[in-house]
Amino acid sequence: MADHHISFAAGTPAEFQETYLKQRAAYKANRVPSLEERRNDLRGIHRLLVDNKDALIAAVNQDYGCRSSFETKLTELLQCQDATLDAIKQLKKWMKPQKRHVDPTQYPLAKAWVFPQPVGVVGIVVPWNFPIAMTFQPMICAFAAGNRVMVKMSENSNALAELFKRLAPKYFSADKLAFFEDGGGRGPQFTQLPFDHLFFTGSPMTGRAVMANCAQNLTPVTLELGGKSPCVVAPDYSMRTAAERIMWTKMLNAGQICTNVDYLYLPEGKVDEFIREAQAITAERYPSITNGEYTAIIDQRQYDRLQETLADAVAKGATATNLCPGRNGDPAQRIMPPIAVTGVTDNMIIMQREIFGPLLPIKTYRTKEEVVDYIGDHHSPLALYVYSNDKAIQDYYMHNTISGGVTINDGLMHAGLHTLPFGGVGNSGMGHYHGYEGFQTFSKLRPVFKQSPWRSINMLMPPYAGKAAKMLDFMMKMKS
């Protein structure tokens, strides 16, 4: 039987329509895949990653021009393989119905529970910065929940998209998983498809357009956006250790990470010490930044944007300091060293927009209250980083700010831990994925009430005067 309620926006590519209808029909034929079917889907993801490791690394490197193979293995392949194996292990528990409390005085012998059901066909829109991880991390959750998946890759991930299109049919039928390249701005047509859930990772600006497209079909969305994630180093914390960890964060993927440190708050008088420590650390870790171990900026447009952002700050009075002195990168390869930018003000682009690169604005503070006030006066960030060994200071920053997630005394770690839910708040996104929360995101938690043979509400039937009124008064008194 045809789905008479399904319609497509004008101009929707035929391959989108055909694949969607194919997946919709497959979902209707098997609305609740078994535990073993879902585990097999997850094993298929794991095999795809393991069997094709070298090809995947090469494709990402081709798209970037230079992408550290070590970083691809660490941040993408290892993370996804681990998350897949953990989901296989945990899935039986995730799928179990959950009993809910029923007041025996109101509903004697009745039962209530919730059980998770697949929602159907899920769309995933993948960014270019971690294109393997951001394909498979949400897909793991969607498959665990029993869904079918259509994936649209970024325009900056063409080599990887073509590889996925060749590989996927070896592991999955098209009615289970299908990949699409961007194809020159096909994103709006993809996000207008009548998905049962859409998962999008990208900028807040694009996120607004995606949400508007989804609204046409009332498609639920998970938006993983970005913003300006602050990092604050408390006076009690070792500046050497802070610099070691912050520079690892800032140079990983050349800073092209949505949860990266977007601006750094240091105690007044500590800037020179931080810069000295940071320069010493980069000299140890990166004697060269053009030998393939340090990642390039993804394309010329992004490279030019970063250069213009830096030039704007300097023109308005900021000071730029190369944190890899003597290693200036290579514009031809789009290799850009990490640069500390001091003396920043809010009229500079660098403090208005997400940086998404190796620029590190540094502000100073005297009191923790002024840091909290500044964070609270701006959009809620995707991440907050606090460096302090004082629990009272840690708690102060956590309880007086709001962000998607928090890492204390390190960077990025909360985002890489698949046993923690990951997601933004406000301008930095909505919804969660990873682990059990990801399973819930792509499930309908369906509530069920099962009445007992004896129905207590019969005592509350009209006419209300008399017995029914006395019984209601008695029940209300019990709850007073």
Protein backbone atom coordinates (compact mmCIF):
# COMPACT_ATOMS: atom_id res chain seq x y z
CA MET A 1 0.00 0.00 0.00
CA ALA A 2 1.33 3.45 -0.88
CA ASP A 3 2.12 6.12 1.72
CA HIS A 4 -0.41 8.70 0.60
CA HIS A 5 0.85 11.31 3.08
CA ILE A 6 4.37 11.39 1.57
CA SER A 7 5.19 14.28 -0.72
CA PHE A 8 8.49 15.75 -1.85
CA ALA A 9 9.52 19.37 -2.29
CA ALA A 10 9.87 20.62 -5.85
CA GLY A 11 13.32 19.92 -7.24
CA THR A 12 14.07 17.01 -4.91
CA PRO A 13 16.64 14.80 -6.72
CA ALA A 14 15.20 11.53 -7.99
CA GLU A 15 17.83 9.47 -6.15
CA PHE A 16 16.77 11.06 -2.84
CA GLN A 17 13.13 10.24 -3.52
CA GLU A 18 13.78 6.68 -4.71
CA THR A 19 16.02 5.80 -1.78
CA TYR A 20 13.69 7.36 0.75
CA LEU A 21 10.70 5.39 -0.59
CA LYS A 22 12.76 2.20 -0.64
CA GLN A 23 13.81 2.68 2.99
CA ARG A 24 10.28 3.65 4.02
CA ALA A 25 8.91 0.44 2.48
CA ALA A 26 11.59 -1.65 4.21
CA TYR A 27 10.76 -0.02 7.54
CA LYS A 28 7.06 -0.80 7.10
CA ALA A 29 7.91 -4.42 6.32
CA ASN A 30 10.00 -4.77 9.49
CA ARG A 31 9.03 -2.13 12.01
CA VAL A 32 10.80 -3.71 14.99
CA PRO A 33 14.10 -5.38 14.03
CA SER A 34 15.24 -7.99 16.51
CA LEU A 35 18.20 -7.67 18.85
CA GLU A 36 20.27 -9.90 16.56
CA GLU A 37 19.32 -7.95 13.42
CA ARG A 38 20.44 -4.72 15.08
CA ARG A 39 23.65 -6.28 16.33
CA ASN A 40 24.36 -7.47 12.80
CA ASP A 41 23.92 -3.92 11.52
CA LEU A 42 26.37 -2.68 14.14
CA ARG A 43 28.83 -5.45 13.22
CA GLY A 44 28.52 -4.28 9.62
CA ILE A 45 29.66 -0.79 10.66
CA HIS A 46 32.57 -2.27 12.58
CA ARG A 47 33.65 -4.45 9.67
CA LEU A 48 33.42 -1.54 7.22
CA LEU A 49 35.72 0.56 9.42
CA VAL A 50 38.24 -2.19 10.13
CA ASP A 51 38.35 -3.71 6.62
CA ASN A 52 38.84 -0.35 4.90
CA LYS A 53 41.02 1.53 7.37
CA ASP A 54 43.74 2.52 4.90
CA ALA A 55 41.30 3.61 2.19
CA LEU A 56 39.34 5.72 4.66
CA ILE A 57 42.49 7.43 5.95
CA ALA A 58 43.63 8.12 2.38
CA ALA A 59 40.27 9.56 1.35
CA VAL A 60 40.15 11.97 4.30
CA ASN A 61 43.74 13.00 3.59
CA GLN A 62 42.82 13.65 -0.05
CA ASP A 63 39.89 15.85 0.97
CA TYR A 64 42.01 17.87 3.40
CA GLY A 65 45.12 18.05 1.28
CA CYS A 66 47.00 17.07 4.45
CA ARG A 67 45.26 15.32 7.33
CA SER A 68 47.41 13.66 9.99
CA SER A 69 46.83 9.92 9.61
CA PHE A 70 47.45 9.50 13.34
CA GLU A 71 44.65 11.94 14.12
CA THR A 72 42.26 10.17 11.74
CA LYS A 73 42.97 6.88 13.49
CA LEU A 74 42.70 8.35 17.00
CA THR A 75 39.74 10.71 16.70
CA GLU A 76 37.67 8.89 14.10
CA LEU A 77 38.40 5.20 13.55
CA LEU A 78 39.26 4.20 17.12
CA GLN A 79 36.39 6.21 18.56
CA CYS A 80 33.83 4.69 16.18
CA GLN A 81 35.10 1.13 16.55
CA ASP A 82 34.93 1.44 20.34
CA ALA A 83 31.44 2.96 20.28
CA THR A 84 30.18 0.23 17.95
CA LEU A 85 31.49 -2.60 20.12
CA ASP A 86 30.05 -0.99 23.25
CA ALA A 87 26.64 -0.55 21.60
CA ILE A 88 26.61 -4.25 20.63
CA LYS A 89 27.36 -5.11 24.25
CA GLN A 90 24.80 -2.75 25.79
CA LEU A 91 21.99 -3.11 23.26
CA LYS A 92 20.01 -5.85 24.98
CA LYS A 93 19.73 -3.69 28.09
CA TRP A 94 18.84 -0.58 26.08
CA MET A 95 15.98 -2.39 24.30
CA LYS A 96 14.28 -3.66 27.47
CA PRO A 97 10.94 -2.14 28.44
CA GLN A 98 11.14 0.02 31.57
CA LYS A 99 8.56 -0.34 34.31
CA ARG A 100 7.05 2.88 35.61
CA HIS A 101 5.47 3.39 39.00
CA VAL A 102 1.68 3.14 39.34
CA ASP A 103 0.01 4.39 42.50
CA PRO A 104 -1.79 1.31 43.87
CA THR A 105 -4.33 3.44 45.72
CA GLN A 106 -5.55 4.95 42.45
CA TYR A 107 -4.84 2.12 40.00
CA PRO A 108 -4.83 -1.14 41.93
CA LEU A 109 -3.20 -4.02 40.03
CA ALA A 110 -2.64 -1.86 36.91
CA LYS A 111 0.74 -1.70 35.18
CA ALA A 112 2.67 0.96 33.27
CA TRP A 113 5.84 0.85 31.22
CA VAL A 114 7.67 2.46 28.32
CA PHE A 115 9.30 0.62 25.48
CA PRO A 116 11.56 1.94 22.70
CA GLN A 117 10.45 1.66 19.08
CA PRO A 118 12.38 2.59 15.92
CA VAL A 119 11.12 5.84 14.40
CA GLY A 120 11.76 4.82 10.77
CA VAL A 121 14.01 6.58 8.24
CA VAL A 122 16.73 8.81 9.68
CA GLY A 123 18.68 11.48 7.78
CA ILE A 124 22.24 12.38 8.79
CA VAL A 125 24.00 15.50 7.49
CA VAL A 126 27.76 15.16 7.98
CA PRO A 127 30.28 18.01 8.43
CA TRP A 128 33.76 17.95 6.92
CA ASN A 129 35.89 18.31 10.05
CA PHE A 130 35.49 14.74 11.39
CA PRO A 131 33.69 13.16 8.46
CA ILE A 132 34.10 9.52 9.51
CA ALA A 133 33.21 10.02 13.17
CA MET A 134 30.30 12.33 12.40
CA THR A 135 28.94 9.78 9.94
CA PHE A 136 29.14 6.74 12.16
CA GLN A 137 28.64 8.03 15.70
CA PRO A 138 25.02 9.06 15.05
CA MET A 139 24.55 6.07 12.73
CA ILE A 140 25.56 3.68 15.53
CA CYS A 141 22.78 5.15 17.66
CA ALA A 142 20.27 5.08 14.80
CA PHE A 143 21.04 1.45 13.91
CA ALA A 144 20.97 0.40 17.55
CA ALA A 145 17.49 1.90 17.73
CA GLY A 146 16.45 -0.19 14.68
CA ASN A 147 16.22 2.52 12.02
CA ARG A 148 17.24 2.98 8.39
CA VAL A 149 19.69 5.71 7.46
CA MET A 150 20.36 8.11 4.60
CA VAL A 151 23.60 10.12 4.80
CA LYS A 152 24.54 13.32 3.00
CA MET A 153 28.24 14.13 3.06
CA SER A 154 29.85 17.58 2.98
CA GLU A 155 30.94 19.33 -0.21
CA ASN A 156 34.46 19.21 1.29
CA SER A 157 34.38 15.42 1.66
CA ASN A 158 33.96 14.35 -1.96
CA ALA A 159 36.68 11.68 -1.96
CA LEU A 160 35.29 10.14 1.22
CA ALA A 161 31.71 10.36 -0.09
CA GLU A 162 32.64 8.49 -3.26
CA LEU A 163 34.43 5.86 -1.19
CA PHE A 164 31.42 5.40 1.10
CA LYS A 165 29.14 5.04 -1.93
CA ARG A 166 31.35 2.23 -3.23
CA LEU A 167 31.81 0.51 0.13
CA ALA A 168 28.33 0.66 1.66
CA PRO A 169 26.67 -1.86 -0.74
CA LYS A 170 29.25 -4.48 0.30
CA TYR A 171 27.94 -4.33 3.87
CA PHE A 172 24.36 -3.03 3.69
CA SER A 173 21.42 -3.05 1.32
CA ALA A 174 20.33 0.35 0.02
CA ASP A 175 17.09 0.07 1.98
CA LYS A 176 19.18 0.03 5.18
CA LEU A 177 21.97 2.53 4.42
CA ALA A 178 22.64 4.93 1.55
CA PHE A 179 25.27 7.65 1.05
CA PHE A 180 25.04 10.78 -1.08
CA GLU A 181 27.66 13.34 -2.03
CA ASP A 182 26.73 16.99 -1.66
CA GLY A 183 26.54 17.38 -5.41
CA GLY A 184 26.79 21.16 -5.45
CA GLY A 185 24.49 22.44 -2.75
CA ARG A 186 21.92 19.65 -2.45
CA GLY A 187 21.70 20.10 1.31
CA PRO A 188 18.37 21.95 1.37
CA GLN A 189 16.68 19.28 -0.78
CA PHE A 190 18.03 16.57 1.53
CA THR A 191 16.85 18.26 4.73
CA GLN A 192 13.38 18.82 3.22
CA LEU A 193 12.82 15.07 2.89
CA PRO A 194 10.07 13.79 5.24
CA PHE A 195 12.48 11.97 7.56
CA ASP A 196 11.33 10.55 10.87
CA HIS A 197 14.36 12.21 12.45
CA LEU A 198 17.12 14.43 11.06
CA PHE A 199 20.57 14.68 12.61
CA PHE A 200 22.59 17.74 11.56
CA THR A 201 26.07 18.90 12.50
CA GLY A 202 27.21 22.33 11.35
CA SER A 203 27.07 26.04 12.08
CA PRO A 204 24.28 27.79 14.01
CA MET A 205 23.43 29.81 10.88
CA THR A 206 22.95 26.70 8.74
CA GLY A 207 21.21 25.01 11.66
CA ARG A 208 18.46 27.63 11.53
CA ALA A 209 17.87 26.92 7.83
CA VAL A 210 17.85 23.16 8.47
CA MET A 211 15.32 23.54 11.27
CA ALA A 212 13.08 25.63 8.99
CA ASN A 213 13.26 22.93 6.30
CA CYS A 214 12.39 20.23 8.82
CA ALA A 215 9.46 22.27 10.11
CA GLN A 216 7.67 21.77 6.79
CA ASN A 217 7.31 18.07 7.63
CA LEU A 218 7.39 18.46 11.43
CA THR A 219 10.54 16.36 11.33
CA PRO A 220 12.22 16.11 14.75
CA VAL A 221 15.79 17.39 14.64
CA THR A 222 19.00 16.96 16.55
CA LEU A 223 21.21 19.97 15.92
CA GLU A 224 24.89 19.73 16.83
CA LEU A 225 26.12 23.25 16.29
CA GLY A 226 29.07 25.18 17.65
CA GLY A 227 29.78 28.60 19.03
CA LYS A 228 32.49 30.13 21.16
CA SER A 229 33.55 27.63 23.81
CA PRO A 230 35.45 29.29 26.67
CA CYS A 231 38.36 27.94 28.66
CA VAL A 232 39.35 29.40 32.02
CA VAL A 233 42.56 28.67 33.93
CA ALA A 234 42.29 29.32 37.68
CA PRO A 235 45.17 30.89 39.64
CA ASP A 236 45.86 27.65 41.52
CA TYR A 237 46.52 25.59 38.38
CA SER A 238 49.95 24.86 36.88
CA MET A 239 50.41 27.05 33.81
CA ARG A 240 52.74 24.47 32.29
CA THR A 241 50.12 21.71 32.54
CA ALA A 242 47.37 24.00 31.31
CA ALA A 243 49.46 25.02 28.30
CA GLU A 244 50.30 21.39 27.50
CA ARG A 245 46.65 20.39 27.42
CA ILE A 246 45.26 23.51 25.78
CA MET A 247 47.84 23.36 22.99
CA TRP A 248 47.01 19.71 22.33
CA THR A 249 43.39 20.78 21.97
CA LYS A 250 44.16 23.79 19.80
CA MET A 251 46.50 21.99 17.40
CA LEU A 252 44.47 18.80 17.02
CA ASN A 253 42.96 18.88 13.53
CA ALA A 254 44.49 22.39 13.29
CA GLY A 255 41.80 23.60 15.66
CA GLN A 256 38.95 22.65 13.30
CA ILE A 257 36.77 21.20 16.05
CA CYS A 258 33.35 22.44 17.16
CA THR A 259 34.22 21.87 20.84
CA ASN A 260 37.63 23.54 20.61
CA VAL A 261 38.80 26.28 22.95
CA ASP A 262 37.48 29.38 21.21
CA TYR A 263 38.82 31.87 23.73
CA LEU A 264 41.02 31.52 26.80
CA TYR A 265 40.68 33.32 30.11
CA LEU A 266 43.95 33.62 32.09
CA PRO A 267 44.55 35.28 35.46
CA GLU A 268 45.84 38.82 35.06
CA GLY A 269 49.63 38.81 34.71
CA LYS A 270 49.86 35.22 33.43
CA VAL A 271 49.73 35.77 29.67
CA ASP A 272 53.50 35.92 29.08
CA GLU A 273 54.02 32.75 31.11
CA PHE A 274 51.37 30.90 29.14
CA ILE A 275 52.85 31.96 25.80
CA ARG A 276 56.36 30.90 26.88
CA GLU A 277 55.09 27.50 27.99
CA ALA A 278 52.99 27.08 24.84
CA GLN A 279 55.94 27.86 22.58
CA ALA A 280 58.17 25.41 24.45
CA ILE A 281 55.52 22.70 24.13
CA THR A 282 54.99 23.18 20.39
CA ALA A 283 58.76 23.06 19.84
CA GLU A 284 58.84 19.64 21.52
CA ARG A 285 55.76 18.23 19.80
CA TYR A 286 56.02 19.78 16.35
CA PRO A 287 59.62 20.44 15.29
CA SER A 288 57.97 20.73 11.86
CA ILE A 289 54.38 21.58 11.01
CA THR A 290 54.77 20.72 7.32
CA ASN A 291 55.80 17.06 7.62
CA GLY A 292 52.30 15.58 7.54
CA GLU A 293 51.76 15.33 11.31
CA TYR A 294 49.93 18.66 11.50
CA THR A 295 46.65 19.00 9.60
CA ALA A 296 45.91 21.57 6.90
CA ILE A 297 43.01 24.01 6.84
CA ILE A 298 40.30 22.26 4.83
CA ASP A 299 40.07 24.62 1.82
CA GLN A 300 41.16 28.01 0.53
CA ARG A 301 37.96 29.74 1.59
CA GLN A 302 38.43 28.67 5.20
CA TYR A 303 42.15 29.54 5.10
CA ASP A 304 41.39 33.01 3.77
CA ARG A 305 38.65 33.50 6.38
CA LEU A 306 41.10 32.72 9.20
CA GLN A 307 43.72 35.07 7.77
CA GLU A 308 41.12 37.82 7.46
CA THR A 309 39.92 37.21 11.02
CA LEU A 310 43.49 37.56 12.29
CA ALA A 311 44.12 40.70 10.20
CA ASP A 312 40.91 42.27 11.51
CA ALA A 313 42.00 41.71 15.13
CA VAL A 314 45.46 43.16 14.54
CA ALA A 315 44.03 46.16 12.69
CA LYS A 316 41.81 46.87 15.71
CA GLY A 317 44.67 46.76 18.21
CA ALA A 318 45.29 43.12 19.09
CA THR A 319 48.72 41.50 19.15
CA ALA A 320 49.42 38.23 17.30
CA THR A 321 52.10 35.84 18.58
CA ASN A 322 53.12 32.73 16.66
CA LEU A 323 53.08 29.83 19.11
CA CYS A 324 55.36 27.89 16.75
CA PRO A 325 58.15 30.48 16.37
CA GLY A 326 60.32 29.82 13.32
CA ARG A 327 57.63 27.63 11.78
CA ASN A 328 55.32 29.84 9.77
CA GLY A 329 53.43 27.13 7.96
CA ASP A 330 52.84 27.00 4.24
CA PRO A 331 50.08 29.05 2.59
CA ALA A 332 50.30 26.91 -0.55
CA GLN A 333 49.40 23.82 1.50
CA ARG A 334 47.04 25.82 3.78
CA ILE A 335 49.20 24.95 6.80
CA MET A 336 48.60 27.59 9.48
CA PRO A 337 50.48 27.65 12.81
CA PRO A 338 48.68 28.25 16.10
CA ILE A 339 48.62 31.97 16.92
CA ALA A 340 47.86 33.58 20.27
CA VAL A 341 45.88 36.81 19.92
CA THR A 342 46.07 39.11 22.94
CA GLY A 343 44.35 42.40 23.63
CA VAL A 344 41.12 41.22 22.03
CA THR A 345 37.86 43.15 22.28
CA ASP A 346 34.29 42.36 21.37
CA ASN A 347 34.33 44.59 18.30
CA MET A 348 36.73 42.14 16.62
CA ILE A 349 35.48 39.33 14.39
CA ILE A 350 37.64 36.88 16.35
CA MET A 351 35.42 37.45 19.42
CA GLN A 352 32.14 37.48 17.52
CA ARG A 353 32.24 34.30 15.44
CA GLU A 354 33.35 30.75 16.01
CA ILE A 355 37.00 30.51 14.96
CA PHE A 356 37.23 26.89 13.79
CA GLY A 357 40.98 27.07 13.36
CA PRO A 358 44.30 27.51 15.20
CA LEU A 359 43.75 31.10 16.41
CA LEU A 360 43.66 31.44 20.21
CA PRO A 361 42.23 34.71 21.61
CA ILE A 362 43.40 35.35 25.19
CA LYS A 363 41.58 37.50 27.73
CA THR A 364 42.58 38.17 31.33
CA TYR A 365 40.51 38.39 34.49
CA ARG A 366 40.78 39.40 38.14
CA THR A 367 37.71 37.68 39.57
CA LYS A 368 35.83 34.54 38.64
CA GLU A 369 32.62 36.56 38.73
CA GLU A 370 33.68 38.66 35.73
CA VAL A 371 34.40 35.47 33.75
CA VAL A 372 30.95 34.08 34.55
CA ASP A 373 29.31 37.40 33.66
CA TYR A 374 31.06 37.49 30.29
CA ILE A 375 30.11 33.89 29.43
CA GLY A 376 26.52 34.49 30.53
CA ASP A 377 26.21 37.63 28.40
CA HIS A 378 26.92 35.64 25.22
CA HIS A 379 25.35 32.65 23.48
CA SER A 380 25.50 29.37 25.40
CA PRO A 381 28.59 27.50 24.18
CA LEU A 382 28.94 23.87 23.15
CA ALA A 383 31.71 23.26 25.69
CA LEU A 384 33.24 24.77 28.82
CA TYR A 385 36.77 24.01 30.02
CA VAL A 386 37.89 24.72 33.57
CA TYR A 387 41.43 24.21 34.83
CA SER A 388 41.54 24.17 38.63
CA ASN A 389 42.28 21.71 41.42
CA ASP A 390 39.93 23.57 43.74
CA LYS A 391 36.54 21.86 43.82
CA ALA A 392 34.81 25.04 44.94
CA ILE A 393 36.12 26.85 41.84
CA GLN A 394 35.17 23.93 39.59
CA ASP A 395 31.65 23.93 41.02
CA TYR A 396 31.34 27.70 40.76
CA TYR A 397 31.99 27.69 37.02
CA MET A 398 29.82 24.63 36.38
CA HIS A 399 26.83 25.88 38.38
CA ASN A 400 26.94 29.50 37.22
CA THR A 401 27.27 28.88 33.49
CA ILE A 402 25.48 26.67 31.01
CA SER A 403 27.07 24.80 28.11
CA GLY A 404 26.59 21.65 26.08
CA GLY A 405 29.22 19.81 28.12
CA VAL A 406 32.14 20.34 30.47
CA THR A 407 35.67 18.99 30.77
CA ILE A 408 37.64 19.81 33.90
CA ASN A 409 41.45 19.94 33.75
CA ASP A 410 41.61 18.84 30.12
CA GLY A 411 40.16 19.55 26.69
CA LEU A 412 37.64 17.78 24.44
CA MET A 413 37.45 14.64 26.60
CA HIS A 414 33.73 14.80 27.37
CA ALA A 415 33.01 14.91 23.63
CA GLY A 416 35.04 11.77 22.95
CA LEU A 417 33.49 9.65 25.69
CA HIS A 418 30.60 7.73 24.15
CA THR A 419 29.19 6.80 27.56
CA LEU A 420 28.38 10.50 28.07
CA PRO A 421 25.59 12.17 26.07
CA PHE A 422 26.90 14.82 23.68
CA GLY A 423 24.89 17.82 22.60
CA GLY A 424 24.50 21.56 22.73
CA VAL A 425 22.15 23.98 24.41
CA GLY A 426 20.51 27.10 22.97
CA ASN A 427 22.59 28.51 20.14
CA SER A 428 24.99 25.56 20.31
CA GLY A 429 22.33 22.98 19.47
CA MET A 430 19.60 20.71 20.75
CA GLY A 431 19.31 17.01 21.47
CA HIS A 432 21.92 14.39 22.38
CA TYR A 433 23.68 11.42 20.90
CA HIS A 434 26.36 8.89 21.96
CA GLY A 435 25.53 5.74 23.88
CA TYR A 436 22.19 5.22 25.56
CA GLU A 437 21.05 8.82 25.08
CA GLY A 438 21.73 8.44 21.36
CA PHE A 439 19.67 5.26 21.31
CA GLN A 440 16.83 7.21 22.94
CA THR A 441 17.19 10.09 20.45
CA PHE A 442 16.43 7.78 17.54
CA SER A 443 13.70 5.84 19.37
CA LYS A 444 10.13 6.62 20.28
CA LEU A 445 9.83 5.83 23.99
CA ARG A 446 6.27 4.63 23.84
CA PRO A 447 4.28 4.78 27.08
CA VAL A 448 1.81 1.99 27.87
CA PHE A 449 -0.80 1.72 30.62
CA LYS A 450 -2.45 -1.67 31.16
CA GLN A 451 -5.64 -1.59 33.17
CA SER A 452 -6.38 -4.28 35.74
CA PRO A 453 -9.63 -6.29 35.71
CA TRP A 454 -10.87 -4.08 38.57
CA ARG A 455 -11.19 -0.45 37.44
CA SER A 456 -11.07 1.96 40.37
CA ILE A 457 -12.13 4.94 38.28
CA ASN A 458 -15.60 3.36 38.10
CA MET A 459 -16.10 4.83 41.58
CA LEU A 460 -15.74 8.33 40.07
CA MET A 461 -18.41 8.07 37.39
CA PRO A 462 -21.28 10.60 37.17
CA PRO A 463 -23.53 11.62 38.70
CA TYR A 464 -20.80 13.30 40.75
CA ALA A 465 -22.89 14.30 43.73
CA GLY A 466 -22.75 11.77 46.51
CA LYS A 467 -20.45 8.76 46.33
CA ALA A 468 -18.16 10.04 43.56
CA ALA A 469 -17.62 13.41 45.28
CA LYS A 470 -16.85 11.74 48.62
CA MET A 471 -14.38 9.37 46.98
CA LEU A 472 -12.58 12.23 45.15
CA ASP A 473 -12.40 14.26 48.37
CA PHE A 474 -10.91 11.24 50.16
CA MET A 475 -8.31 10.71 47.40
CA MET A 476 -7.33 14.40 47.44
CA LYS A 477 -7.00 14.32 51.24
CA MET A 478 -4.60 11.38 50.93
CA LYS A 479 -2.38 13.55 48.69
CA SER A 480 -2.55 16.66 50.91
